[in-house]
């Protein structure tokens, strides 16, 4: 089965229980049906989900899963940068420390991974 089709089914099937929960716990009258809401849904669904999923599978074609998966830890960092750049949020000390921990973790993970790969690579005897 096509990986993108599988991802689409995962999102569709996952939306069913969320829709049912929302139907019983949320009031439709509380929703402000505005162009801003629909724009937000479009931004979240097309570039935020569909294009991001497509790009993720393209990246996985280039590198190994364990190496690429490490970069999913950058998601909170992107959220902080977007919040600061577009929403005027101010980064506090704990967020800056968390960002430093994420970056250091990725550096350590990639350096350790390079050493493990070099150790496990068969040497040719000439």
PDB file of N, CA and C in Angstrom:
ATOM      1  N   UNK A   1       0.851  -1.189   0.000  1.00  0.00           N
ATOM      2  CA  UNK A   1       0.000   0.000   0.000  1.00  0.00           C
ATOM      3  C   UNK A   1       0.886   1.239   0.000  1.00  0.00           C
ATOM      4  N   UNK A   2       0.465   2.242  -0.701  1.00  0.00           N
ATOM      5  CA  UNK A   2       1.174   3.500  -0.774  1.00  0.00           C
ATOM      6  C   UNK A   2       1.281   4.121   0.634  1.00  0.00           C
ATOM      7  N   UNK A   3       2.472   4.602   0.974  1.00  0.00           N
ATOM      8  CA  UNK A   3       2.707   5.144   2.316  1.00  0.00           C
ATOM      9  C   UNK A   3       1.852   6.389   2.569  1.00  0.00           C
ATOM     10  N   UNK A   4       1.705   7.234   1.573  1.00  0.00           N
ATOM     11  CA  UNK A   4       0.877   8.429   1.752  1.00  0.00           C
ATOM     12  C   UNK A   4      -0.596   8.067   1.928  1.00  0.00           C
ATOM     13  N   UNK A   5      -1.055   7.056   1.214  1.00  0.00           N
ATOM     14  CA  UNK A   5      -2.441   6.612   1.380  1.00  0.00           C
ATOM     15  C   UNK A   5      -2.633   6.053   2.788  1.00  0.00           C
ATOM     16  N   UNK A   6      -1.657   5.303   3.256  1.00  0.00           N
ATOM     17  CA  UNK A   6      -1.718   4.762   4.608  1.00  0.00           C
ATOM     18  C   UNK A   6      -1.773   5.892   5.645  1.00  0.00           C
ATOM     19  N   UNK A   7      -0.978   6.923   5.439  1.00  0.00           N
ATOM     20  CA  UNK A   7      -0.989   8.072   6.356  1.00  0.00           C
ATOM     21  C   UNK A   7      -2.332   8.779   6.331  1.00  0.00           C
ATOM     22  N   UNK A   8      -2.911   8.917   5.140  1.00  0.00           N
ATOM     23  CA  UNK A   8      -4.217   9.571   5.032  1.00  0.00           C
ATOM     24  C   UNK A   8      -5.277   8.767   5.783  1.00  0.00           C
ATOM     25  N   UNK A   9      -5.257   7.453   5.634  1.00  0.00           N
ATOM     26  CA  UNK A   9      -6.225   6.610   6.355  1.00  0.00           C
ATOM     27  C   UNK A   9      -6.014   6.716   7.863  1.00  0.00           C
ATOM     28  N   UNK A  10      -4.773   6.786   8.278  1.00  0.00           N
ATOM     29  CA  UNK A  10      -4.480   6.922   9.707  1.00  0.00           C
ATOM     30  C   UNK A  10      -5.111   8.206  10.244  1.00  0.00           C
ATOM     31  N   UNK A  11      -4.975   9.299   9.521  1.00  0.00           N
ATOM     32  CA  UNK A  11      -5.556  10.570   9.959  1.00  0.00           C
ATOM     33  C   UNK A  11      -7.084  10.520   9.932  1.00  0.00           C
ATOM     34  N   UNK A  12      -7.640   9.915   8.893  1.00  0.00           N
ATOM     35  CA  UNK A  12      -9.103   9.825   8.801  1.00  0.00           C
ATOM     36  C   UNK A  12      -9.686   8.951   9.901  1.00  0.00           C
ATOM     37  N   UNK A  13      -9.100   7.783  10.112  1.00  0.00           N
ATOM     38  CA  UNK A  13      -9.599   6.877  11.154  1.00  0.00           C
ATOM     39  C   UNK A  13      -9.403   7.499  12.536  1.00  0.00           C
ATOM     40  N   UNK A  14      -8.279   8.167  12.733  1.00  0.00           N
ATOM     41  CA  UNK A  14      -8.021   8.825  14.016  1.00  0.00           C
ATOM     42  C   UNK A  14      -8.973   9.967  14.291  1.00  0.00           C
ATOM     43  N   UNK A  15      -9.505  10.574  13.230  1.00  0.00           N
ATOM     44  CA  UNK A  15     -10.426  11.700  13.430  1.00  0.00           C
ATOM     45  C   UNK A  15     -11.801  11.247  13.915  1.00  0.00           C
ATOM     46  N   UNK A  16     -12.150   9.987  13.692  1.00  0.00           N
ATOM     47  CA  UNK A  16     -13.480   9.504  14.092  1.00  0.00           C
ATOM     48  C   UNK A  16     -13.673   9.564  15.613  1.00  0.00           C
ATOM     49  N   UNK A  17     -12.787   8.956  16.421  1.00  0.00           N
ATOM     50  CA  UNK A  17     -13.009   9.074  17.872  1.00  0.00           C
ATOM     51  C   UNK A  17     -12.895  10.509  18.368  1.00  0.00           C
ATOM     52  N   UNK A  18     -12.004  11.292  17.757  1.00  0.00           N
ATOM     53  CA  UNK A  18     -11.896  12.696  18.174  1.00  0.00           C
ATOM     54  C   UNK A  18     -13.173  13.457  17.865  1.00  0.00           C
ATOM     55  N   UNK A  19     -13.763  13.198  16.698  1.00  0.00           N
ATOM     56  CA  UNK A  19     -15.024  13.841  16.333  1.00  0.00           C
ATOM     57  C   UNK A  19     -16.152  13.449  17.266  1.00  0.00           C
ATOM     58  N   UNK A  20     -16.205  12.167  17.628  1.00  0.00           N
ATOM     59  CA  UNK A  20     -17.249  11.704  18.548  1.00  0.00           C
ATOM     60  C   UNK A  20     -17.086  12.330  19.934  1.00  0.00           C
ATOM     61  N   UNK A  21     -15.868  12.374  20.416  1.00  0.00           N
ATOM     62  CA  UNK A  21     -15.620  12.995  21.729  1.00  0.00           C
ATOM     63  C   UNK A  21     -16.022  14.468  21.697  1.00  0.00           C
ATOM     64  N   UNK A  22     -15.626  15.160  20.623  1.00  0.00           N
ATOM     65  CA  UNK A  22     -15.970  16.579  20.497  1.00  0.00           C
ATOM     66  C   UNK A  22     -17.483  16.768  20.426  1.00  0.00           C
ATOM     67  N   UNK A  23     -18.176  15.865  19.720  1.00  0.00           N
ATOM     68  CA  UNK A  23     -19.634  15.989  19.588  1.00  0.00           C
ATOM     69  C   UNK A  23     -20.333  15.895  20.932  1.00  0.00           C
ATOM     70  N   UNK A  24     -19.775  15.116  21.859  1.00  0.00           N
ATOM     71  CA  UNK A  24     -20.415  14.948  23.162  1.00  0.00           C
ATOM     72  C   UNK A  24     -19.937  15.948  24.212  1.00  0.00           C
ATOM     73  N   UNK A  25     -18.760  16.548  23.997  1.00  0.00           N
ATOM     74  CA  UNK A  25     -18.198  17.420  25.024  1.00  0.00           C
ATOM     75  C   UNK A  25     -18.111  18.889  24.632  1.00  0.00           C
ATOM     76  N   UNK A  26     -18.324  19.205  23.376  1.00  0.00           N
ATOM     77  CA  UNK A  26     -18.215  20.591  22.920  1.00  0.00           C
ATOM     78  C   UNK A  26     -19.564  21.059  22.391  1.00  0.00           C
ATOM     79  N   UNK A  27     -19.806  22.338  22.502  1.00  0.00           N
ATOM     80  CA  UNK A  27     -21.029  22.911  21.944  1.00  0.00           C
ATOM     81  C   UNK A  27     -20.680  23.611  20.632  1.00  0.00           C
ATOM     82  N   UNK A  28     -21.353  23.229  19.578  1.00  0.00           N
ATOM     83  CA  UNK A  28     -21.109  23.821  18.266  1.00  0.00           C
ATOM     84  C   UNK A  28     -21.355  25.324  18.297  1.00  0.00           C
ATOM     85  N   UNK A  29     -22.280  25.759  19.131  1.00  0.00           N
ATOM     86  CA  UNK A  29     -22.593  27.193  19.216  1.00  0.00           C
ATOM     87  C   UNK A  29     -21.426  28.010  19.769  1.00  0.00           C
ATOM     88  N   UNK A  30     -20.473  27.342  20.451  1.00  0.00           N
ATOM     89  CA  UNK A  30     -19.311  28.053  20.992  1.00  0.00           C
ATOM     90  C   UNK A  30     -18.245  28.319  19.935  1.00  0.00           C
ATOM     91  N   UNK A  31     -18.370  27.694  18.785  1.00  0.00           N
ATOM     92  CA  UNK A  31     -17.363  27.847  17.731  1.00  0.00           C
ATOM     93  C   UNK A  31     -17.649  29.127  16.954  1.00  0.00           C
ATOM     94  N   UNK A  32     -16.617  29.909  16.775  1.00  0.00           N
ATOM     95  CA  UNK A  32     -16.733  31.135  15.982  1.00  0.00           C
ATOM     96  C   UNK A  32     -16.397  30.793  14.533  1.00  0.00           C
ATOM     97  N   UNK A  33     -17.429  30.514  13.727  1.00  0.00           N
ATOM     98  CA  UNK A  33     -17.244  30.110  12.330  1.00  0.00           C
ATOM     99  C   UNK A  33     -16.862  31.334  11.508  1.00  0.00           C
ATOM    100  N   UNK A  34     -15.573  31.582  11.419  1.00  0.00           N
ATOM    101  CA  UNK A  34     -15.098  32.784  10.732  1.00  0.00           C
ATOM    102  C   UNK A  34     -14.065  32.403   9.674  1.00  0.00           C
ATOM    103  N   UNK A  35     -13.769  33.332   8.773  1.00  0.00           N
ATOM    104  CA  UNK A  35     -12.706  33.067   7.795  1.00  0.00           C
ATOM    105  C   UNK A  35     -11.365  32.768   8.471  1.00  0.00           C
ATOM    106  N   UNK A  36     -11.126  33.394   9.627  1.00  0.00           N
ATOM    107  CA  UNK A  36      -9.880  33.151  10.359  1.00  0.00           C
ATOM    108  C   UNK A  36      -9.799  31.687  10.824  1.00  0.00           C
ATOM    109  N   UNK A  37     -10.918  31.112  11.259  1.00  0.00           N
ATOM    110  CA  UNK A  37     -10.955  29.711  11.668  1.00  0.00           C
ATOM    111  C   UNK A  37     -10.625  28.810  10.486  1.00  0.00           C
ATOM    112  N   UNK A  38     -11.264  29.061   9.333  1.00  0.00           N
ATOM    113  CA  UNK A  38     -11.029  28.228   8.164  1.00  0.00           C
ATOM    114  C   UNK A  38      -9.607  28.376   7.631  1.00  0.00           C
ATOM    115  N   UNK A  39      -9.054  29.585   7.717  1.00  0.00           N
ATOM    116  CA  UNK A  39      -7.655  29.788   7.323  1.00  0.00           C
ATOM    117  C   UNK A  39      -6.734  28.981   8.236  1.00  0.00           C
ATOM    118  N   UNK A  40      -7.015  29.016   9.532  1.00  0.00           N
ATOM    119  CA  UNK A  40      -6.221  28.236  10.481  1.00  0.00           C
ATOM    120  C   UNK A  40      -6.294  26.744  10.199  1.00  0.00           C
ATOM    121  N   UNK A  41      -7.496  26.251   9.883  1.00  0.00           N
ATOM    122  CA  UNK A  41      -7.654  24.837   9.540  1.00  0.00           C
ATOM    123  C   UNK A  41      -6.877  24.484   8.276  1.00  0.00           C
ATOM    124  N   UNK A  42      -6.923  25.369   7.289  1.00  0.00           N
ATOM    125  CA  UNK A  42      -6.183  25.123   6.048  1.00  0.00           C
ATOM    126  C   UNK A  42      -4.678  25.070   6.303  1.00  0.00           C
ATOM    127  N   UNK A  43      -4.183  26.020   7.092  1.00  0.00           N
ATOM    128  CA  UNK A  43      -2.744  26.067   7.387  1.00  0.00           C
ATOM    129  C   UNK A  43      -2.319  24.823   8.164  1.00  0.00           C
ATOM    130  N   UNK A  44      -3.153  24.404   9.113  1.00  0.00           N
ATOM    131  CA  UNK A  44      -2.810  23.212   9.892  1.00  0.00           C
ATOM    132  C   UNK A  44      -2.899  21.944   9.064  1.00  0.00           C
ATOM    133  N   UNK A  45      -3.863  21.867   8.159  1.00  0.00           N
ATOM    134  CA  UNK A  45      -4.067  20.622   7.423  1.00  0.00           C
ATOM    135  C   UNK A  45      -3.154  20.477   6.223  1.00  0.00           C
ATOM    136  N   UNK A  46      -2.976  21.523   5.438  1.00  0.00           N
ATOM    137  CA  UNK A  46      -2.183  21.367   4.205  1.00  0.00           C
ATOM    138  C   UNK A  46      -0.685  21.432   4.495  1.00  0.00           C
ATOM    139  N   UNK A  47      -0.124  22.604   4.854  1.00  0.00           N
ATOM    140  CA  UNK A  47       1.327  22.573   5.101  1.00  0.00           C
ATOM    141  C   UNK A  47       1.698  21.885   6.414  1.00  0.00           C
ATOM    142  N   UNK A  48       0.837  22.026   7.427  1.00  0.00           N
ATOM    143  CA  UNK A  48       1.173  21.487   8.743  1.00  0.00           C
ATOM    144  C   UNK A  48       1.065  19.987   8.863  1.00  0.00           C
ATOM    145  N   UNK A  49       0.262  19.357   8.024  1.00  0.00           N
ATOM    146  CA  UNK A  49       0.092  17.905   8.111  1.00  0.00           C
ATOM    147  C   UNK A  49       0.431  17.224   6.794  1.00  0.00           C
ATOM    148  N   UNK A  50      -0.263  17.579   5.727  1.00  0.00           N
ATOM    149  CA  UNK A  50      -0.090  16.876   4.456  1.00  0.00           C
ATOM    150  C   UNK A  50       1.307  17.071   3.869  1.00  0.00           C
ATOM    151  N   UNK A  51       1.731  18.308   3.737  1.00  0.00           N
ATOM    152  CA  UNK A  51       3.051  18.565   3.152  1.00  0.00           C
ATOM    153  C   UNK A  51       4.152  18.087   4.091  1.00  0.00           C
ATOM    154  N   UNK A  52       3.955  18.280   5.400  1.00  0.00           N
ATOM    155  CA  UNK A  52       4.960  17.803   6.363  1.00  0.00           C
ATOM    156  C   UNK A  52       5.116  16.291   6.294  1.00  0.00           C
ATOM    157  N   UNK A  53       4.023  15.565   6.142  1.00  0.00           N
ATOM    158  CA  UNK A  53       4.086  14.109   6.026  1.00  0.00           C
ATOM    159  C   UNK A  53       4.797  13.707   4.741  1.00  0.00           C
ATOM    160  N   UNK A  54       4.465  14.361   3.651  1.00  0.00           N
ATOM    161  CA  UNK A  54       5.121  14.073   2.376  1.00  0.00           C
ATOM    162  C   UNK A  54       6.625  14.327   2.472  1.00  0.00           C
ATOM    163  N   UNK A  55       7.007  15.457   3.044  1.00  0.00           N
ATOM    164  CA  UNK A  55       8.434  15.769   3.194  1.00  0.00           C
ATOM    165  C   UNK A  55       9.138  14.765   4.102  1.00  0.00           C
ATOM    166  N   UNK A  56       8.453  14.316   5.156  1.00  0.00           N
ATOM    167  CA  UNK A  56       9.040  13.340   6.077  1.00  0.00           C
ATOM    168  C   UNK A  56       9.386  12.053   5.337  1.00  0.00           C
ATOM    169  N   UNK A  57       8.469  11.577   4.496  1.00  0.00           N
ATOM    170  CA  UNK A  57       8.744  10.347   3.760  1.00  0.00           C
ATOM    171  C   UNK A  57       9.824  10.558   2.710  1.00  0.00           C
ATOM    172  N   UNK A  58       9.918  11.757   2.166  1.00  0.00           N
ATOM    173  CA  UNK A  58      11.010  12.048   1.238  1.00  0.00           C
ATOM    174  C   UNK A  58      12.354  12.021   1.958  1.00  0.00           C
ATOM    175  N   UNK A  59      12.387  12.576   3.156  1.00  0.00           N
ATOM    176  CA  UNK A  59      13.618  12.572   3.959  1.00  0.00           C
ATOM    177  C   UNK A  59      14.015  11.147   4.313  1.00  0.00           C
ATOM    178  N   UNK A  60      13.039  10.312   4.626  1.00  0.00           N
ATOM    179  CA  UNK A  60      13.338   8.921   4.983  1.00  0.00           C
ATOM    180  C   UNK A  60      13.910   8.138   3.806  1.00  0.00           C
ATOM    181  N   UNK A  61      13.630   8.579   2.588  1.00  0.00           N
ATOM    182  CA  UNK A  61      14.234   7.935   1.420  1.00  0.00           C
ATOM    183  C   UNK A  61      15.715   8.252   1.307  1.00  0.00           C
ATOM    184  N   UNK A  62      16.145   9.340   1.945  1.00  0.00           N
ATOM    185  CA  UNK A  62      17.528   9.790   1.842  1.00  0.00           C
ATOM    186  C   UNK A  62      18.401   9.219   2.959  1.00  0.00           C
ATOM    187  N   UNK A  63      17.861   9.109   4.160  1.00  0.00           N
ATOM    188  CA  UNK A  63      18.672   8.699   5.296  1.00  0.00           C
ATOM    189  C   UNK A  63      18.058   7.546   6.057  1.00  0.00           C
ATOM    190  N   UNK A  64      18.779   7.104   7.063  1.00  0.00           N
ATOM    191  CA  UNK A  64      18.321   5.998   7.901  1.00  0.00           C
ATOM    192  C   UNK A  64      17.314   6.517   8.930  1.00  0.00           C
ATOM    193  N   UNK A  65      16.331   5.665   9.220  1.00  0.00           N
ATOM    194  CA  UNK A  65      15.248   6.062  10.120  1.00  0.00           C
ATOM    195  C   UNK A  65      15.776   6.503  11.483  1.00  0.00           C
ATOM    196  N   UNK A  66      16.685   5.739  12.092  1.00  0.00           N
ATOM    197  CA  UNK A  66      17.149   6.098  13.437  1.00  0.00           C
ATOM    198  C   UNK A  66      17.850   7.453  13.437  1.00  0.00           C
ATOM    199  N   UNK A  67      18.514   7.804  12.361  1.00  0.00           N
ATOM    200  CA  UNK A  67      19.200   9.092  12.293  1.00  0.00           C
ATOM    201  C   UNK A  67      18.193  10.222  12.048  1.00  0.00           C
ATOM    202  N   UNK A  68      17.256   9.991  11.161  1.00  0.00           N
ATOM    203  CA  UNK A  68      16.267  11.019  10.837  1.00  0.00           C
ATOM    204  C   UNK A  68      15.281  11.237  11.990  1.00  0.00           C
ATOM    205  N   UNK A  69      14.948  10.173  12.690  1.00  0.00           N
ATOM    206  CA  UNK A  69      13.989  10.268  13.784  1.00  0.00           C
ATOM    207  C   UNK A  69      14.470  11.201  14.886  1.00  0.00           C
ATOM    208  N   UNK A  70      15.762  11.316  15.051  1.00  0.00           N
ATOM    209  CA  UNK A  70      16.310  12.209  16.078  1.00  0.00           C
ATOM    210  C   UNK A  70      15.864  13.648  15.859  1.00  0.00           C
ATOM    211  N   UNK A  71      15.648  14.021  14.616  1.00  0.00           N
ATOM    212  CA  UNK A  71      15.292  15.403  14.321  1.00  0.00           C
ATOM    213  C   UNK A  71      13.848  15.734  14.673  1.00  0.00           C
ATOM    214  N   UNK A  72      13.041  14.725  15.012  1.00  0.00           N
ATOM    215  CA  UNK A  72      11.688  15.024  15.488  1.00  0.00           C
ATOM    216  C   UNK A  72      11.739  15.741  16.837  1.00  0.00           C
ATOM    217  N   UNK A  73      12.881  15.643  17.522  1.00  0.00           N
ATOM    218  CA  UNK A  73      13.033  16.365  18.785  1.00  0.00           C
ATOM    219  C   UNK A  73      13.112  17.873  18.557  1.00  0.00           C
ATOM    220  N   UNK A  74      13.278  18.303  17.308  1.00  0.00           N
ATOM    221  CA  UNK A  74      13.319  19.731  17.008  1.00  0.00           C
ATOM    222  C   UNK A  74      11.931  20.368  16.977  1.00  0.00           C
ATOM    223  N   UNK A  75      10.875  19.567  17.014  1.00  0.00           N
ATOM    224  CA  UNK A  75       9.513  20.100  16.935  1.00  0.00           C
ATOM    225  C   UNK A  75       9.247  21.173  17.989  1.00  0.00           C
ATOM    226  N   UNK A  76       9.578  20.953  19.274  1.00  0.00           N
ATOM    227  CA  UNK A  76       9.337  22.028  20.252  1.00  0.00           C
ATOM    228  C   UNK A  76      10.164  23.280  19.958  1.00  0.00           C
ATOM    229  N   UNK A  77      11.356  23.078  19.411  1.00  0.00           N
ATOM    230  CA  UNK A  77      12.193  24.228  19.068  1.00  0.00           C
ATOM    231  C   UNK A  77      11.536  25.052  17.964  1.00  0.00           C
ATOM    232  N   UNK A  78      10.999  24.382  16.939  1.00  0.00           N
ATOM    233  CA  UNK A  78      10.288  25.091  15.876  1.00  0.00           C
ATOM    234  C   UNK A  78       9.079  25.827  16.439  1.00  0.00           C
ATOM    235  N   UNK A  79       8.363  25.198  17.354  1.00  0.00           N
ATOM    236  CA  UNK A  79       7.194  25.838  17.955  1.00  0.00           C
ATOM    237  C   UNK A  79       7.588  27.113  18.696  1.00  0.00           C
ATOM    238  N   UNK A  80       8.692  27.072  19.420  1.00  0.00           N
ATOM    239  CA  UNK A  80       9.163  28.260  20.137  1.00  0.00           C
ATOM    240  C   UNK A  80       9.566  29.369  19.174  1.00  0.00           C
ATOM    241  N   UNK A  81      10.269  29.003  18.112  1.00  0.00           N
ATOM    242  CA  UNK A  81      10.716  29.998  17.132  1.00  0.00           C
ATOM    243  C   UNK A  81       9.510  30.628  16.430  1.00  0.00           C
ATOM    244  N   UNK A  82       8.543  29.809  16.026  1.00  0.00           N
ATOM    245  CA  UNK A  82       7.347  30.339  15.364  1.00  0.00           C
ATOM    246  C   UNK A  82       6.564  31.232  16.313  1.00  0.00           C
ATOM    247  N   UNK A  83       6.434  30.810  17.581  1.00  0.00           N
ATOM    248  CA  UNK A  83       5.736  31.627  18.563  1.00  0.00           C
ATOM    249  C   UNK A  83       6.406  32.970  18.779  1.00  0.00           C
ATOM    250  N   UNK A  84       7.733  32.970  18.840  1.00  0.00           N
ATOM    251  CA  UNK A  84       8.466  34.216  19.041  1.00  0.00           C
ATOM    252  C   UNK A  84       8.413  35.093  17.791  1.00  0.00           C
ATOM    253  N   UNK A  85       8.561  34.478  16.623  1.00  0.00           N
ATOM    254  CA  UNK A  85       8.618  35.254  15.386  1.00  0.00           C
ATOM    255  C   UNK A  85       7.267  35.815  14.967  1.00  0.00           C
ATOM    256  N   UNK A  86       6.217  35.017  15.088  1.00  0.00           N
ATOM    257  CA  UNK A  86       4.921  35.425  14.540  1.00  0.00           C
ATOM    258  C   UNK A  86       3.897  35.843  15.588  1.00  0.00           C
ATOM    259  N   UNK A  87       4.069  35.390  16.816  1.00  0.00           N
ATOM    260  CA  UNK A  87       3.065  35.688  17.835  1.00  0.00           C
ATOM    261  C   UNK A  87       3.585  36.617  18.927  1.00  0.00           C
ATOM    262  N   UNK A  88       4.833  37.028  18.796  1.00  0.00           N
ATOM    263  CA  UNK A  88       5.404  37.961  19.757  1.00  0.00           C
ATOM    264  C   UNK A  88       5.663  37.379  21.135  1.00  0.00           C
ATOM    265  N   UNK A  89       5.744  36.051  21.221  1.00  0.00           N
ATOM    266  CA  UNK A  89       6.007  35.433  22.516  1.00  0.00           C
ATOM    267  C   UNK A  89       7.461  35.677  22.926  1.00  0.00           C
ATOM    268  N   UNK A  90       7.659  35.839  24.218  1.00  0.00           N
ATOM    269  CA  UNK A  90       8.994  36.068  24.758  1.00  0.00           C
ATOM    270  C   UNK A  90       9.505  34.752  25.333  1.00  0.00           C
ATOM    271  N   UNK A  91      10.699  34.367  24.918  1.00  0.00           N
ATOM    272  CA  UNK A  91      11.287  33.122  25.421  1.00  0.00           C
ATOM    273  C   UNK A  91      11.890  33.370  26.793  1.00  0.00           C
ATOM    274  N   UNK A  92      11.492  32.536  27.741  1.00  0.00           N
ATOM    275  CA  UNK A  92      12.000  32.661  29.105  1.00  0.00           C
ATOM    276  C   UNK A  92      13.203  31.744  29.289  1.00  0.00           C
ATOM    277  N   UNK A  93      13.836  31.849  30.431  1.00  0.00           N
ATOM    278  CA  UNK A  93      15.063  31.114  30.693  1.00  0.00           C
ATOM    279  C   UNK A  93      14.865  29.601  30.570  1.00  0.00           C
ATOM    280  N   UNK A  94      13.773  29.079  31.124  1.00  0.00           N
ATOM    281  CA  UNK A  94      13.571  27.626  31.056  1.00  0.00           C
ATOM    282  C   UNK A  94      13.400  27.150  29.617  1.00  0.00           C
ATOM    283  N   UNK A  95      12.807  27.965  28.750  1.00  0.00           N
ATOM    284  CA  UNK A  95      12.668  27.598  27.344  1.00  0.00           C
ATOM    285  C   UNK A  95      14.009  27.643  26.623  1.00  0.00           C
ATOM    286  N   UNK A  96      14.836  28.612  26.967  1.00  0.00           N
ATOM    287  CA  UNK A  96      16.170  28.686  26.371  1.00  0.00           C
ATOM    288  C   UNK A  96      17.037  27.517  26.836  1.00  0.00           C
ATOM    289  N   UNK A  97      16.907  27.145  28.100  1.00  0.00           N
ATOM    290  CA  UNK A  97      17.650  25.979  28.609  1.00  0.00           C
ATOM    291  C   UNK A  97      17.158  24.712  27.911  1.00  0.00           C
ATOM    292  N   UNK A  98      15.849  24.562  27.757  1.00  0.00           N
ATOM    293  CA  UNK A  98      15.299  23.405  27.054  1.00  0.00           C
ATOM    294  C   UNK A  98      15.788  23.326  25.624  1.00  0.00           C
ATOM    295  N   UNK A  99      15.858  24.482  24.958  1.00  0.00           N
ATOM    296  CA  UNK A  99      16.368  24.524  23.583  1.00  0.00           C
ATOM    297  C   UNK A  99      17.821  24.067  23.536  1.00  0.00           C
ATOM    298  N   UNK A 100      18.618  24.532  24.486  1.00  0.00           N
ATOM    299  CA  UNK A 100      20.028  24.124  24.540  1.00  0.00           C
ATOM    300  C   UNK A 100      20.145  22.622  24.784  1.00  0.00           C
ATOM    301  N   UNK A 101      19.305  22.075  25.652  1.00  0.00           N
ATOM    302  CA  UNK A 101      19.332  20.632  25.931  1.00  0.00           C
ATOM    303  C   UNK A 101      18.976  19.840  24.672  1.00  0.00           C
ATOM    304  N   UNK A 102      17.963  20.292  23.926  1.00  0.00           N
ATOM    305  CA  UNK A 102      17.573  19.610  22.693  1.00  0.00           C
ATOM    306  C   UNK A 102      18.723  19.609  21.692  1.00  0.00           C
ATOM    307  N   UNK A 103      19.328  20.762  21.491  1.00  0.00           N
ATOM    308  CA  UNK A 103      20.420  20.863  20.519  1.00  0.00           C
ATOM    309  C   UNK A 103      21.616  20.021  20.954  1.00  0.00           C
ATOM    310  N   UNK A 104      21.968  20.084  22.236  1.00  0.00           N
ATOM    311  CA  UNK A 104      23.099  19.271  22.727  1.00  0.00           C
ATOM    312  C   UNK A 104      22.787  17.782  22.591  1.00  0.00           C
ATOM    313  N   UNK A 105      21.550  17.386  22.873  1.00  0.00           N
ATOM    314  CA  UNK A 105      21.167  15.990  22.728  1.00  0.00           C
ATOM    315  C   UNK A 105      21.310  15.507  21.297  1.00  0.00           C
ATOM    316  N   UNK A 106      20.912  16.332  20.347  1.00  0.00           N
ATOM    317  CA  UNK A 106      21.059  15.961  18.939  1.00  0.00           C
ATOM    318  C   UNK A 106      22.523  15.847  18.538  1.00  0.00           C
ATOM    319  N   UNK A 107      23.341  16.759  19.042  1.00  0.00           N
ATOM    320  CA  UNK A 107      24.775  16.698  18.739  1.00  0.00           C
ATOM    321  C   UNK A 107      25.376  15.417  19.295  1.00  0.00           C
ATOM    322  N   UNK A 108      25.077  15.116  20.548  1.00  0.00           N
ATOM    323  CA  UNK A 108      25.610  13.891  21.173  1.00  0.00           C
ATOM    324  C   UNK A 108      25.102  12.650  20.437  1.00  0.00           C
ATOM    325  N   UNK A 109      23.817  12.631  20.123  1.00  0.00           N
ATOM    326  CA  UNK A 109      23.228  11.492  19.440  1.00  0.00           C
ATOM    327  C   UNK A 109      23.880  11.263  18.081  1.00  0.00           C
ATOM    328  N   UNK A 110      24.091  12.337  17.330  1.00  0.00           N
ATOM    329  CA  UNK A 110      24.698  12.196  16.013  1.00  0.00           C
ATOM    330  C   UNK A 110      26.172  11.828  16.099  1.00  0.00           C
ATOM    331  N   UNK A 111      26.893  12.378  17.058  1.00  0.00           N
ATOM    332  CA  UNK A 111      28.308  12.016  17.214  1.00  0.00           C
ATOM    333  C   UNK A 111      28.452  10.568  17.634  1.00  0.00           C
ATOM    334  N   UNK A 112      27.619  10.128  18.581  1.00  0.00           N
ATOM    335  CA  UNK A 112      27.663   8.737  19.032  1.00  0.00           C
ATOM    336  C   UNK A 112      27.257   7.803  17.904  1.00  0.00           C
ATOM    337  N   UNK A 113      26.238   8.215  17.131  1.00  0.00           N
ATOM    338  CA  UNK A 113      25.795   7.398  16.009  1.00  0.00           C
ATOM    339  C   UNK A 113      26.885   7.239  14.966  1.00  0.00           C
ATOM    340  N   UNK A 114      27.642   8.315  14.693  1.00  0.00           N
ATOM    341  CA  UNK A 114      28.743   8.233  13.733  1.00  0.00           C
ATOM    342  C   UNK A 114      29.804   7.254  14.202  1.00  0.00           C
ATOM    343  N   UNK A 115      30.122   7.276  15.509  1.00  0.00           N
ATOM    344  CA  UNK A 115      31.133   6.355  16.050  1.00  0.00           C
ATOM    345  C   UNK A 115      30.640   4.916  15.975  1.00  0.00           C
ATOM    346  N   UNK A 116      29.356   4.679  16.305  1.00  0.00           N
ATOM    347  CA  UNK A 116      28.798   3.322  16.240  1.00  0.00           C
ATOM    348  C   UNK A 116      28.770   2.805  14.815  1.00  0.00           C
ATOM    349  N   UNK A 117      28.419   3.664  13.857  1.00  0.00           N
ATOM    350  CA  UNK A 117      28.381   3.236  12.462  1.00  0.00           C
ATOM    351  C   UNK A 117      29.778   2.905  11.967  1.00  0.00           C
ATOM    352  N   UNK A 118      30.771   3.708  12.371  1.00  0.00           N
ATOM    353  CA  UNK A 118      32.150   3.449  11.947  1.00  0.00           C
ATOM    354  C   UNK A 118      32.640   2.135  12.550  1.00  0.00           C
ATOM    355  N   UNK A 119      32.251   1.845  13.782  1.00  0.00           N
ATOM    356  CA  UNK A 119      32.668   0.630  14.463  1.00  0.00           C
ATOM    357  C   UNK A 119      32.011  -0.618  13.829  1.00  0.00           C
ATOM    358  N   UNK A 120      30.773  -0.467  13.371  1.00  0.00           N
ATOM    359  CA  UNK A 120      30.026  -1.603  12.818  1.00  0.00           C
ATOM    360  C   UNK A 120      30.228  -1.794  11.324  1.00  0.00           C
ATOM    361  N   UNK A 121      30.909  -0.878  10.662  1.00  0.00           N
ATOM    362  CA  UNK A 121      31.140  -0.990   9.230  1.00  0.00           C
ATOM    363  C   UNK A 121      32.239  -2.004   8.989  1.00  0.00           C
ATOM    364  N   UNK A 122      31.979  -3.027   8.140  1.00  0.00           N
ATOM    365  CA  UNK A 122      33.015  -4.014   7.861  1.00  0.00           C
ATOM    366  C   UNK A 122      34.193  -3.382   7.128  1.00  0.00           C
ATOM    367  N   UNK A 123      35.380  -3.786   7.553  1.00  0.00           N
ATOM    368  CA  UNK A 123      36.596  -3.258   6.907  1.00  0.00           C
ATOM    369  C   UNK A 123      36.996  -4.198   5.779  1.00  0.00           C
ATOM    370  N   UNK A 124      37.360  -3.591   4.659  1.00  0.00           N
ATOM    371  CA  UNK A 124      37.801  -4.423   3.536  1.00  0.00           C
ATOM    372  C   UNK A 124      39.284  -4.722   3.690  1.00  0.00           C
ATOM    373  N   UNK A 125      39.643  -5.931   3.412  1.00  0.00           N
ATOM    374  CA  UNK A 125      41.052  -6.345   3.493  1.00  0.00           C
ATOM    375  C   UNK A 125      41.602  -6.410   2.081  1.00  0.00           C
ATOM    376  N   UNK A 126      42.573  -5.540   1.791  1.00  0.00           N
ATOM    377  CA  UNK A 126      43.133  -5.521   0.453  1.00  0.00           C
ATOM    378  C   UNK A 126      44.408  -6.306   0.388  1.00  0.00           C
TER     379      UNK A 126
END
